Amino acid sequence: MKVIEARKKDIEQIIEIDKEIIGTDRRKKEIGQAIEQNRCLLVIHEGIIAGFLLYHTHFFECTFVSLIMIKPSHQKMGLASTLLSHMTEFSKTEKLFSSTNQSNLAMQKVFEANAFIKSGMVENLDEGDPEFIYFKRIGERNKWYT
């Protein structure tokens, strides 16, 4: 498996992954903008796009992984960890944040397996399902931003 930057030609496959998981293409614009701004990474497994990650650097001037989606047929293969590992290596800031719902136990395990620590909680985003914030310090980085 390998991690590459998404290109415009990949958008339909990425949206299909997202749609397969959430049942709608409501994030099409967000995904398109991330691709245009070089903030979308793909994980390729056996020649196909098996998942993607979106990030930005507008979270208090820190890198924030806003979305990780892995095709259901490719889950539990370490692909989310592969994407997080890549972000850890190539993050544009020395602090890396992300989040997941309290109900998403699988993603919590992924964060913990990748040495992220809980850094807080936000309530009232999804009614009755608080968002846990995760953090990882990744050392000194050149502060270049896209």
N, C-alpha and C. Protein backbone atom coordinates (compact mmCIF):
# COMPACT_ATOMS: atom_id res chain seq x y z
N MET A 1 0.84 -1.18 0.00
CA MET A 1 0.00 0.00 0.00
C MET A 1 0.88 1.24 0.00
N LYS A 2 0.33 2.31 -0.56
CA LYS A 2 1.09 3.56 -0.60
C LYS A 2 0.14 4.72 -0.41
N VAL A 3 0.70 5.85 0.00
CA VAL A 3 -0.06 7.08 0.20
C VAL A 3 0.39 8.08 -0.84
N ILE A 4 -0.59 8.68 -1.54
CA ILE A 4 -0.30 9.70 -2.54
C ILE A 4 -1.25 10.88 -2.36
N GLU A 5 -0.89 12.00 -2.95
CA GLU A 5 -1.77 13.15 -2.94
C GLU A 5 -2.87 12.95 -3.98
N ALA A 6 -4.09 13.28 -3.63
CA ALA A 6 -5.21 13.15 -4.56
C ALA A 6 -5.08 14.18 -5.68
N ARG A 7 -5.60 13.79 -6.84
CA ARG A 7 -5.65 14.69 -8.00
C ARG A 7 -7.11 14.85 -8.43
N LYS A 8 -7.37 15.86 -9.23
CA LYS A 8 -8.73 16.15 -9.68
C LYS A 8 -9.42 14.91 -10.25
N LYS A 9 -8.69 14.13 -10.99
CA LYS A 9 -9.27 12.95 -11.65
C LYS A 9 -9.77 11.90 -10.66
N ASP A 10 -9.35 12.01 -9.39
CA ASP A 10 -9.72 11.03 -8.36
C ASP A 10 -11.04 11.36 -7.65
N ILE A 11 -11.58 12.55 -7.90
CA ILE A 11 -12.70 13.03 -7.08
C ILE A 11 -13.90 12.10 -7.08
N GLU A 12 -14.28 11.55 -8.20
CA GLU A 12 -15.48 10.70 -8.24
C GLU A 12 -15.28 9.43 -7.40
N GLN A 13 -14.10 8.84 -7.46
CA GLN A 13 -13.84 7.64 -6.65
C GLN A 13 -13.84 7.97 -5.17
N ILE A 14 -13.29 9.13 -4.81
CA ILE A 14 -13.26 9.55 -3.41
C ILE A 14 -14.68 9.79 -2.91
N ILE A 15 -15.47 10.47 -3.71
CA ILE A 15 -16.85 10.75 -3.31
C ILE A 15 -17.65 9.46 -3.18
N GLU A 16 -17.37 8.49 -4.02
CA GLU A 16 -18.06 7.20 -3.92
C GLU A 16 -17.73 6.49 -2.61
N ILE A 17 -16.49 6.59 -2.16
CA ILE A 17 -16.12 6.02 -0.86
C ILE A 17 -16.90 6.71 0.25
N ASP A 18 -16.90 8.03 0.22
CA ASP A 18 -17.60 8.81 1.23
C ASP A 18 -19.09 8.48 1.21
N LYS A 19 -19.66 8.41 0.03
CA LYS A 19 -21.09 8.13 -0.14
C LYS A 19 -21.43 6.71 0.35
N GLU A 20 -20.53 5.77 0.10
CA GLU A 20 -20.76 4.40 0.56
C GLU A 20 -20.87 4.34 2.09
N ILE A 21 -20.13 5.21 2.76
CA ILE A 21 -20.09 5.19 4.22
C ILE A 21 -21.21 6.04 4.83
N ILE A 22 -21.41 7.26 4.30
CA ILE A 22 -22.40 8.15 4.94
C ILE A 22 -23.73 8.22 4.19
N GLY A 23 -23.79 7.63 2.99
CA GLY A 23 -25.05 7.56 2.27
C GLY A 23 -25.42 8.78 1.46
N THR A 24 -24.53 9.75 1.35
CA THR A 24 -24.81 10.97 0.60
C THR A 24 -23.50 11.55 0.06
N ASP A 25 -23.63 12.43 -0.93
CA ASP A 25 -22.43 13.10 -1.46
C ASP A 25 -22.35 14.55 -0.99
N ARG A 26 -22.91 14.84 0.17
CA ARG A 26 -22.98 16.21 0.69
C ARG A 26 -21.61 16.86 0.91
N ARG A 27 -20.55 16.07 0.98
CA ARG A 27 -19.21 16.64 1.21
C ARG A 27 -18.44 16.82 -0.10
N LYS A 28 -19.11 16.72 -1.22
CA LYS A 28 -18.45 16.81 -2.53
C LYS A 28 -17.66 18.12 -2.67
N LYS A 29 -18.25 19.22 -2.29
CA LYS A 29 -17.57 20.52 -2.40
C LYS A 29 -16.34 20.57 -1.49
N GLU A 30 -16.50 20.12 -0.26
CA GLU A 30 -15.38 20.10 0.71
C GLU A 30 -14.23 19.24 0.19
N ILE A 31 -14.56 18.08 -0.34
CA ILE A 31 -13.54 17.18 -0.88
C ILE A 31 -12.87 17.81 -2.10
N GLY A 32 -13.66 18.41 -2.98
CA GLY A 32 -13.10 19.09 -4.16
C GLY A 32 -12.14 20.20 -3.79
N GLN A 33 -12.50 20.99 -2.79
CA GLN A 33 -11.62 22.08 -2.34
C GLN A 33 -10.33 21.52 -1.75
N ALA A 34 -10.43 20.45 -0.98
CA ALA A 34 -9.23 19.85 -0.38
C ALA A 34 -8.30 19.33 -1.48
N ILE A 35 -8.86 18.74 -2.52
CA ILE A 35 -8.03 18.25 -3.62
C ILE A 35 -7.35 19.43 -4.32
N GLU A 36 -8.10 20.47 -4.62
CA GLU A 36 -7.53 21.65 -5.29
C GLU A 36 -6.43 22.30 -4.47
N GLN A 37 -6.54 22.23 -3.15
CA GLN A 37 -5.56 22.87 -2.26
C GLN A 37 -4.50 21.89 -1.76
N ASN A 38 -4.43 20.71 -2.38
CA ASN A 38 -3.44 19.69 -2.01
C ASN A 38 -3.51 19.30 -0.54
N ARG A 39 -4.75 19.11 -0.04
CA ARG A 39 -4.97 18.72 1.35
C ARG A 39 -5.74 17.41 1.45
N CYS A 40 -5.65 16.59 0.41
CA CYS A 40 -6.34 15.31 0.40
C CYS A 40 -5.33 14.22 0.04
N LEU A 41 -5.21 13.23 0.92
CA LEU A 41 -4.31 12.11 0.69
C LEU A 41 -5.12 10.85 0.42
N LEU A 42 -4.58 10.00 -0.43
CA LEU A 42 -5.21 8.73 -0.74
C LEU A 42 -4.33 7.59 -0.27
N VAL A 43 -4.95 6.52 0.16
CA VAL A 43 -4.21 5.29 0.42
C VAL A 43 -4.61 4.31 -0.68
N ILE A 44 -3.61 3.81 -1.36
CA ILE A 44 -3.81 2.89 -2.48
C ILE A 44 -3.47 1.49 -1.99
N HIS A 45 -4.40 0.56 -2.19
CA HIS A 45 -4.19 -0.83 -1.79
C HIS A 45 -4.53 -1.71 -2.98
N GLU A 46 -3.57 -2.50 -3.41
CA GLU A 46 -3.74 -3.39 -4.55
C GLU A 46 -4.27 -2.64 -5.77
N GLY A 47 -3.72 -1.45 -5.98
CA GLY A 47 -4.02 -0.68 -7.18
C GLY A 47 -5.29 0.14 -7.16
N ILE A 48 -6.04 0.11 -6.07
CA ILE A 48 -7.27 0.90 -6.01
C ILE A 48 -7.23 1.89 -4.86
N ILE A 49 -8.03 2.95 -4.98
CA ILE A 49 -8.17 3.91 -3.89
C ILE A 49 -9.01 3.24 -2.81
N ALA A 50 -8.40 2.98 -1.68
CA ALA A 50 -9.07 2.28 -0.59
C ALA A 50 -9.53 3.21 0.52
N GLY A 51 -9.03 4.45 0.50
CA GLY A 51 -9.42 5.41 1.52
C GLY A 51 -8.79 6.75 1.28
N PHE A 52 -9.21 7.72 2.08
CA PHE A 52 -8.67 9.07 1.93
C PHE A 52 -8.66 9.79 3.27
N LEU A 53 -7.90 10.87 3.30
CA LEU A 53 -7.75 11.72 4.48
C LEU A 53 -7.80 13.16 4.01
N LEU A 54 -8.53 14.01 4.73
CA LEU A 54 -8.53 15.46 4.49
C LEU A 54 -7.91 16.14 5.71
N TYR A 55 -7.17 17.22 5.47
CA TYR A 55 -6.59 17.97 6.58
C TYR A 55 -6.52 19.44 6.23
N HIS A 56 -6.25 20.25 7.23
CA HIS A 56 -6.00 21.68 7.02
C HIS A 56 -5.08 22.16 8.15
N THR A 57 -4.65 23.40 8.04
CA THR A 57 -3.75 23.96 9.06
C THR A 57 -4.35 25.21 9.69
N HIS A 58 -5.67 25.25 9.78
CA HIS A 58 -6.35 26.42 10.34
C HIS A 58 -6.85 26.20 11.76
N PHE A 59 -6.44 25.12 12.39
CA PHE A 59 -6.84 24.82 13.76
C PHE A 59 -5.76 25.38 14.69
N PHE A 60 -5.90 26.64 15.04
CA PHE A 60 -4.92 27.32 15.90
C PHE A 60 -3.50 27.16 15.35
N GLU A 61 -3.37 27.27 14.03
CA GLU A 61 -2.09 27.14 13.32
C GLU A 61 -1.46 25.76 13.49
N CYS A 62 -2.29 24.75 13.72
CA CYS A 62 -1.83 23.37 13.82
C CYS A 62 -2.50 22.55 12.73
N THR A 63 -1.88 21.45 12.35
CA THR A 63 -2.50 20.55 11.39
C THR A 63 -3.65 19.82 12.07
N PHE A 64 -4.78 19.78 11.37
CA PHE A 64 -5.96 19.09 11.87
C PHE A 64 -6.46 18.13 10.80
N VAL A 65 -6.48 16.86 11.12
CA VAL A 65 -7.03 15.85 10.22
C VAL A 65 -8.54 15.89 10.43
N SER A 66 -9.26 16.38 9.41
CA SER A 66 -10.69 16.59 9.56
C SER A 66 -11.53 15.38 9.15
N LEU A 67 -10.94 14.48 8.35
CA LEU A 67 -11.72 13.35 7.89
C LEU A 67 -10.80 12.22 7.44
N ILE A 68 -11.10 11.03 7.89
CA ILE A 68 -10.44 9.81 7.40
C ILE A 68 -11.57 8.84 7.05
N MET A 69 -11.57 8.37 5.81
CA MET A 69 -12.59 7.42 5.37
C MET A 69 -11.90 6.26 4.66
N ILE A 70 -12.24 5.06 5.08
CA ILE A 70 -11.70 3.84 4.47
C ILE A 70 -12.89 3.03 3.95
N LYS A 71 -12.77 2.55 2.72
CA LYS A 71 -13.84 1.71 2.15
C LYS A 71 -14.19 0.59 3.13
N PRO A 72 -15.46 0.33 3.34
CA PRO A 72 -15.84 -0.75 4.26
C PRO A 72 -15.15 -2.08 3.95
N SER A 73 -14.96 -2.39 2.68
CA SER A 73 -14.31 -3.65 2.31
C SER A 73 -12.83 -3.68 2.64
N HIS A 74 -12.26 -2.53 3.01
CA HIS A 74 -10.83 -2.43 3.31
C HIS A 74 -10.55 -2.02 4.76
N GLN A 75 -11.58 -1.96 5.58
CA GLN A 75 -11.38 -1.59 6.97
C GLN A 75 -10.71 -2.72 7.74
N LYS A 76 -10.08 -2.35 8.83
CA LYS A 76 -9.36 -3.29 9.72
C LYS A 76 -8.14 -3.90 9.03
N MET A 77 -7.57 -3.15 8.09
CA MET A 77 -6.35 -3.59 7.39
C MET A 77 -5.17 -2.65 7.70
N GLY A 78 -5.38 -1.70 8.61
CA GLY A 78 -4.32 -0.76 8.96
C GLY A 78 -4.20 0.43 8.04
N LEU A 79 -5.18 0.66 7.17
CA LEU A 79 -5.08 1.75 6.20
C LEU A 79 -5.25 3.13 6.84
N ALA A 80 -6.14 3.24 7.84
CA ALA A 80 -6.27 4.51 8.55
C ALA A 80 -4.96 4.83 9.27
N SER A 81 -4.33 3.83 9.84
CA SER A 81 -3.03 4.03 10.50
C SER A 81 -1.96 4.44 9.49
N THR A 82 -2.03 3.88 8.30
CA THR A 82 -1.08 4.26 7.24
C THR A 82 -1.22 5.73 6.91
N LEU A 83 -2.46 6.20 6.78
CA LEU A 83 -2.69 7.62 6.48
C LEU A 83 -2.21 8.51 7.63
N LEU A 84 -2.51 8.12 8.88
CA LEU A 84 -2.05 8.92 10.03
C LEU A 84 -0.54 8.93 10.14
N SER A 85 0.09 7.80 9.86
CA SER A 85 1.55 7.73 9.89
C SER A 85 2.15 8.68 8.86
N HIS A 86 1.56 8.71 7.69
CA HIS A 86 2.03 9.62 6.65
C HIS A 86 1.88 11.08 7.11
N MET A 87 0.74 11.41 7.72
CA MET A 87 0.55 12.78 8.22
C MET A 87 1.56 13.12 9.30
N THR A 88 1.86 12.16 10.15
CA THR A 88 2.84 12.38 11.21
C THR A 88 4.20 12.71 10.61
N GLU A 89 4.54 12.01 9.56
CA GLU A 89 5.84 12.22 8.92
C GLU A 89 5.91 13.52 8.14
N PHE A 90 4.81 13.91 7.50
CA PHE A 90 4.84 15.05 6.60
C PHE A 90 4.02 16.26 7.05
N SER A 91 3.56 16.25 8.29
CA SER A 91 2.77 17.37 8.80
C SER A 91 3.54 18.68 8.66
N LYS A 92 2.80 19.72 8.37
CA LYS A 92 3.41 21.03 8.20
C LYS A 92 3.59 21.77 9.53
N THR A 93 3.09 21.18 10.59
CA THR A 93 3.23 21.78 11.92
C THR A 93 3.71 20.72 12.90
N GLU A 94 4.18 21.17 14.05
CA GLU A 94 4.70 20.20 15.02
C GLU A 94 3.62 19.63 15.93
N LYS A 95 2.41 20.12 15.81
CA LYS A 95 1.28 19.56 16.55
C LYS A 95 0.24 19.07 15.55
N LEU A 96 -0.25 17.87 15.79
CA LEU A 96 -1.23 17.25 14.91
C LEU A 96 -2.47 16.91 15.74
N PHE A 97 -3.62 17.37 15.27
CA PHE A 97 -4.88 17.13 15.96
C PHE A 97 -5.85 16.40 15.04
N SER A 98 -6.81 15.74 15.64
CA SER A 98 -7.93 15.16 14.92
C SER A 98 -9.04 14.93 15.93
N SER A 99 -10.14 14.34 15.47
CA SER A 99 -11.25 14.09 16.39
C SER A 99 -12.11 12.95 15.88
N THR A 100 -12.91 12.41 16.78
CA THR A 100 -13.89 11.40 16.42
C THR A 100 -14.99 11.40 17.48
N ASN A 101 -16.13 10.88 17.09
CA ASN A 101 -17.25 10.79 18.02
C ASN A 101 -16.97 9.77 19.12
N GLN A 102 -17.59 9.99 20.26
CA GLN A 102 -17.49 9.05 21.38
C GLN A 102 -17.97 7.66 20.95
N SER A 103 -18.93 7.60 20.06
CA SER A 103 -19.48 6.32 19.63
C SER A 103 -18.57 5.57 18.65
N ASN A 104 -17.56 6.24 18.09
CA ASN A 104 -16.69 5.63 17.09
C ASN A 104 -15.49 4.96 17.78
N LEU A 105 -15.75 3.83 18.38
CA LEU A 105 -14.71 3.12 19.13
C LEU A 105 -13.57 2.66 18.24
N ALA A 106 -13.88 2.27 17.01
CA ALA A 106 -12.82 1.81 16.09
C ALA A 106 -11.81 2.92 15.83
N MET A 107 -12.29 4.14 15.58
CA MET A 107 -11.35 5.24 15.31
C MET A 107 -10.59 5.63 16.56
N GLN A 108 -11.23 5.55 17.72
CA GLN A 108 -10.51 5.83 18.96
C GLN A 108 -9.34 4.87 19.12
N LYS A 109 -9.55 3.60 18.78
CA LYS A 109 -8.47 2.61 18.86
C LYS A 109 -7.36 2.93 17.86
N VAL A 110 -7.73 3.42 16.68
CA VAL A 110 -6.72 3.80 15.69
C VAL A 110 -5.86 4.94 16.23
N PHE A 111 -6.49 5.96 16.81
CA PHE A 111 -5.72 7.07 17.38
C PHE A 111 -4.78 6.58 18.48
N GLU A 112 -5.29 5.78 19.38
CA GLU A 112 -4.47 5.28 20.49
C GLU A 112 -3.32 4.41 19.98
N ALA A 113 -3.57 3.60 18.97
CA ALA A 113 -2.52 2.75 18.40
C ALA A 113 -1.44 3.57 17.71
N ASN A 114 -1.76 4.80 17.34
CA ASN A 114 -0.81 5.68 16.66
C ASN A 114 -0.27 6.77 17.58
N ALA A 115 -0.33 6.52 18.88
CA ALA A 115 0.26 7.38 19.91
C ALA A 115 -0.37 8.77 20.00
N PHE A 116 -1.65 8.89 19.62
CA PHE A 116 -2.39 10.12 19.86
C PHE A 116 -2.97 10.02 21.27
N ILE A 117 -3.11 11.16 21.92
CA ILE A 117 -3.71 11.18 23.25
C ILE A 117 -4.97 12.04 23.20
N LYS A 118 -5.92 11.71 24.08
CA LYS A 118 -7.12 12.53 24.17
C LYS A 118 -6.72 13.89 24.70
N SER A 119 -7.28 14.92 24.07
CA SER A 119 -6.90 16.28 24.43
C SER A 119 -8.11 17.13 24.79
N GLY A 120 -9.28 16.55 24.77
CA GLY A 120 -10.47 17.31 25.13
C GLY A 120 -11.71 16.72 24.50
N MET A 121 -12.81 17.42 24.71
CA MET A 121 -14.09 16.94 24.22
C MET A 121 -14.96 18.15 23.87
N VAL A 122 -15.72 18.01 22.80
CA VAL A 122 -16.66 19.05 22.40
C VAL A 122 -18.05 18.42 22.39
N GLU A 123 -18.96 19.03 23.10
CA GLU A 123 -20.33 18.54 23.11
C GLU A 123 -21.17 19.38 22.16
N ASN A 124 -22.34 18.84 21.83
CA ASN A 124 -23.36 19.53 21.04
C ASN A 124 -23.09 19.64 19.55
N LEU A 125 -22.12 18.91 19.03
CA LEU A 125 -21.95 18.84 17.58
C LEU A 125 -22.94 17.83 17.03
N ASP A 126 -22.86 16.60 17.51
CA ASP A 126 -23.84 15.55 17.20
C ASP A 126 -24.56 15.27 18.51
N GLU A 127 -25.84 15.53 18.52
CA GLU A 127 -26.64 15.40 19.73
C GLU A 127 -26.43 14.04 20.41
N GLY A 128 -26.00 14.08 21.67
CA GLY A 128 -25.83 12.87 22.45
C GLY A 128 -24.59 12.05 22.12
N ASP A 129 -23.70 12.58 21.28
CA ASP A 129 -22.50 11.85 20.88
C ASP A 129 -21.32 12.82 20.82
N PRO A 130 -20.72 13.12 21.99
CA PRO A 130 -19.63 14.11 22.04
C PRO A 130 -18.46 13.76 21.11
N GLU A 131 -17.75 14.77 20.71
CA GLU A 131 -16.58 14.64 19.84
C GLU A 131 -15.33 14.66 20.73
N PHE A 132 -14.51 13.62 20.64
CA PHE A 132 -13.24 13.59 21.35
C PHE A 132 -12.15 14.17 20.46
N ILE A 133 -11.35 15.07 21.02
CA ILE A 133 -10.23 15.66 20.30
C ILE A 133 -8.98 14.85 20.66
N TYR A 134 -8.19 14.53 19.65
CA TYR A 134 -6.94 13.78 19.84
C TYR A 134 -5.76 14.64 19.39
N PHE A 135 -4.61 14.39 20.00
CA PHE A 135 -3.42 15.21 19.78
C PHE A 135 -2.17 14.32 19.71
N LYS A 136 -1.24 14.76 18.87
CA LYS A 136 0.07 14.11 18.82
C LYS A 136 1.12 15.17 18.54
N ARG A 137 2.14 15.23 19.38
CA ARG A 137 3.27 16.14 19.15
C ARG A 137 4.24 15.39 18.25
N ILE A 138 4.65 16.03 17.16
CA ILE A 138 5.49 15.33 16.20
C ILE A 138 6.83 16.01 15.98
N GLY A 139 7.18 16.90 16.89
CA GLY A 139 8.51 17.49 16.81
C GLY A 139 8.56 18.76 15.99
N GLU A 140 9.75 19.26 15.86
CA GLU A 140 10.00 20.51 15.14
C GLU A 140 9.72 20.34 13.65
N ARG A 141 9.02 21.26 13.07
CA ARG A 141 8.69 21.24 11.65
C ARG A 141 8.96 22.59 11.03
N ASN A 142 9.25 22.58 9.75
CA ASN A 142 9.29 23.83 9.01
C ASN A 142 7.86 24.35 8.92
N LYS A 143 7.64 25.58 9.20
CA LYS A 143 6.29 26.13 9.21
C LYS A 143 5.94 26.70 7.84
N TRP A 144 5.73 25.82 6.89
CA TRP A 144 5.27 26.25 5.57
C TRP A 144 3.82 25.80 5.45
N TYR A 145 3.00 26.63 4.90
CA TYR A 145 1.58 26.36 4.81
C TYR A 145 1.13 26.43 3.37
N THR A 146 0.07 25.66 3.08
CA THR A 146 -0.52 25.70 1.74
C THR A 146 -1.60 26.73 1.71
